[in-house]
Amino acid sequence: MVGSSSGAAGAAGAPGPQGNPGPQGPGASSFTTALSLGTSYTTIATLNNGLAVQGECEGGRVYVRVVTTSFEDDLQASGTSNSETPSTDPVDVNGTSFATGATSTVHADLDVVARDPNVGKFARIDVHGEHGLPCTLWGMTTLSG
């Protein structure tokens, strides 16, 4: 019968070559727009994850919101909204609505991560609306990779 035994482990090998760089991340997109008084919901940014950012300037108020482009109650969103200074309210929507937003006579802010789970991945959405002549809206979206 031939015996068998394992020898000591050998030395670690040299590191392999560096891999190729990964693809460019999705980056961020920004937007700025002015809405005349009396303007109802207007899309100011469209994302490729099934969402759109909309603004409104009516009735002495500015309104910012995120909606599913299908207008189906599939929105998933979490974050905060600021409707009246100094009020900050939580946003927690999970398939019970097609929209979430903030409205104010002065300025409205919406800061959320959101998506339509039937379409794509989450995006970070920061949008600000300022009431005036005209209402001004600006913000930024960043899609997850």
Protein backbone atom coordinates (compact mmCIF):
# COMPACT_ATOMS: atom_id res chain seq x y z
CA MET A 1 0.00 0.00 0.00
CA VAL A 2 1.31 3.36 -0.96
CA GLY A 3 0.99 6.11 1.65
CA SER A 4 -0.16 9.57 0.82
CA SER A 5 0.48 12.80 2.63
CA SER A 6 0.16 16.41 1.70
CA GLY A 7 3.14 18.64 1.61
CA ALA A 8 3.27 22.20 2.89
CA ALA A 9 1.37 24.83 0.92
CA GLY A 10 3.38 26.64 -1.70
CA ALA A 11 4.09 30.35 -1.75
CA ALA A 12 1.36 32.68 -3.01
CA GLY A 13 1.53 33.49 -6.69
CA ALA A 14 2.17 36.92 -8.09
CA PRO A 15 -0.88 39.22 -8.48
CA GLY A 16 -2.66 38.99 -11.80
CA PRO A 17 -2.87 41.88 -14.24
CA GLN A 18 -5.32 44.71 -13.57
CA GLY A 19 -8.72 44.19 -15.18
CA ASN A 20 -10.33 46.48 -17.70
CA PRO A 21 -12.12 49.58 -16.37
CA GLY A 22 -15.82 49.18 -15.73
CA PRO A 23 -18.45 51.05 -17.73
CA GLN A 24 -19.14 54.72 -17.04
CA GLY A 25 -21.71 55.19 -14.29
CA PRO A 26 -25.04 56.85 -14.99
CA GLY A 27 -23.92 60.26 -13.76
CA ALA A 28 -26.23 63.09 -12.87
CA SER A 29 -28.57 65.28 -14.89
CA SER A 30 -29.71 68.71 -13.84
CA PHE A 31 -32.64 70.83 -14.95
CA THR A 32 -33.89 74.39 -14.57
CA THR A 33 -37.14 75.83 -15.86
CA ALA A 34 -39.55 78.70 -15.34
CA LEU A 35 -43.31 78.20 -15.32
CA SER A 36 -45.74 81.04 -15.95
CA LEU A 37 -48.50 81.60 -13.42
CA GLY A 38 -51.45 79.39 -14.31
CA THR A 39 -49.30 76.53 -15.60
CA SER A 40 -50.66 73.14 -14.53
CA TYR A 41 -48.58 69.98 -14.24
CA THR A 42 -45.69 70.16 -16.68
CA THR A 43 -42.95 67.53 -17.04
CA ILE A 44 -39.54 69.11 -16.48
CA ALA A 45 -37.40 65.95 -16.40
CA THR A 46 -37.98 62.36 -17.57
CA LEU A 47 -35.93 59.50 -16.19
CA ASN A 48 -35.38 56.08 -17.76
CA ASN A 49 -36.67 54.29 -14.65
CA GLY A 50 -40.35 54.99 -15.30
CA LEU A 51 -40.52 58.34 -13.51
CA ALA A 52 -40.93 62.00 -14.42
CA VAL A 53 -40.41 65.18 -12.41
CA GLN A 54 -43.25 67.65 -12.78
CA GLY A 55 -43.98 71.19 -11.66
CA GLU A 56 -47.02 73.39 -11.38
CA CYS A 57 -47.50 77.13 -10.78
CA GLU A 58 -51.18 77.74 -10.03
CA GLY A 59 -53.47 79.26 -7.43
CA GLY A 60 -50.72 81.18 -5.64
CA ARG A 61 -48.68 78.01 -5.05
CA VAL A 62 -45.73 76.16 -6.53
CA TYR A 63 -45.90 72.37 -6.65
CA VAL A 64 -43.13 69.85 -7.38
CA ARG A 65 -43.75 66.13 -7.69
CA VAL A 66 -42.41 62.82 -8.95
CA VAL A 67 -44.84 60.64 -10.92
CA THR A 68 -44.79 57.28 -12.64
CA THR A 69 -44.91 57.89 -16.39
CA SER A 70 -47.60 55.19 -16.65
CA PHE A 71 -49.71 57.00 -14.00
CA GLU A 72 -50.22 53.58 -12.39
CA ASP A 73 -49.98 53.27 -8.59
CA ASP A 74 -46.52 51.67 -8.74
CA LEU A 75 -44.35 54.45 -7.25
CA GLN A 76 -41.73 53.52 -4.69
CA ALA A 77 -40.27 56.62 -3.01
CA SER A 78 -38.56 57.41 0.27
CA GLY A 79 -37.10 60.67 1.53
CA THR A 80 -38.39 64.07 2.61
CA SER A 81 -40.59 66.88 1.37
CA ASN A 82 -40.58 70.48 2.51
CA SER A 83 -43.87 72.22 1.93
CA GLU A 84 -43.83 75.17 4.31
CA THR A 85 -40.79 76.46 6.16
CA PRO A 86 -39.71 75.03 8.56
CA SER A 87 -41.79 71.88 8.02
CA THR A 88 -40.00 68.74 6.80
CA ASP A 89 -42.21 65.73 6.23
CA PRO A 90 -41.27 62.11 5.56
CA VAL A 91 -42.03 60.56 2.19
CA ASP A 92 -42.78 56.84 2.26
CA VAL A 93 -44.68 55.51 -0.75
CA ASN A 94 -44.61 51.85 -1.72
CA GLY A 95 -46.95 51.04 -4.60
CA THR A 96 -49.94 52.94 -3.22
CA SER A 97 -49.81 56.00 -5.46
CA PHE A 98 -48.54 57.25 -8.80
CA ALA A 99 -47.17 60.53 -7.35
CA THR A 100 -45.59 62.24 -4.36
CA GLY A 101 -44.66 65.87 -3.97
CA ALA A 102 -44.56 69.14 -2.09
CA THR A 103 -46.51 72.39 -2.47
CA SER A 104 -46.09 75.86 -0.98
CA THR A 105 -46.88 79.54 -1.37
CA VAL A 106 -43.14 80.26 -1.07
CA HIS A 107 -40.92 77.29 -1.92
CA ALA A 108 -41.30 73.52 -2.11
CA ASP A 109 -38.58 70.86 -1.93
CA LEU A 110 -38.67 67.15 -2.66
CA ASP A 111 -35.63 64.95 -1.93
CA VAL A 112 -36.24 61.25 -2.53
CA VAL A 113 -34.92 58.00 -3.92
CA ALA A 114 -37.63 56.66 -6.19
CA ARG A 115 -38.51 54.28 -9.02
CA ASP A 116 -41.25 52.43 -10.82
CA PRO A 117 -40.17 48.86 -9.96
CA ASN A 118 -41.75 47.59 -13.19
CA VAL A 119 -39.35 49.72 -15.25
CA GLY A 120 -36.00 50.37 -13.61
CA LYS A 121 -33.64 51.00 -10.74
CA PHE A 122 -33.82 53.71 -8.10
CA ALA A 123 -32.81 57.30 -8.80
CA ARG A 124 -31.93 60.09 -6.41
CA ILE A 125 -34.20 63.05 -7.15
CA ASP A 126 -33.73 66.53 -5.67
CA VAL A 127 -36.15 69.18 -6.93
CA HIS A 128 -36.87 72.70 -5.69
CA GLY A 129 -39.70 75.03 -6.66
CA GLU A 130 -39.87 78.75 -5.89
CA HIS A 131 -43.17 80.62 -6.21
CA GLY A 132 -42.99 83.92 -8.05
CA LEU A 133 -43.51 85.68 -11.37
CA PRO A 134 -42.70 83.19 -12.89
CA CYS A 135 -42.30 80.12 -10.67
CA THR A 136 -38.80 78.70 -10.99
CA LEU A 137 -37.95 75.03 -10.61
CA TRP A 138 -34.56 73.37 -10.59
CA GLY A 139 -32.97 70.18 -9.48
CA MET A 140 -30.89 67.14 -10.21
CA THR A 141 -31.43 63.43 -10.78
CA THR A 142 -28.88 60.67 -10.39
CA LEU A 143 -29.72 57.16 -11.59
CA SER A 144 -28.26 54.13 -9.84
CA GLY A 145 -25.91 51.98 -11.90
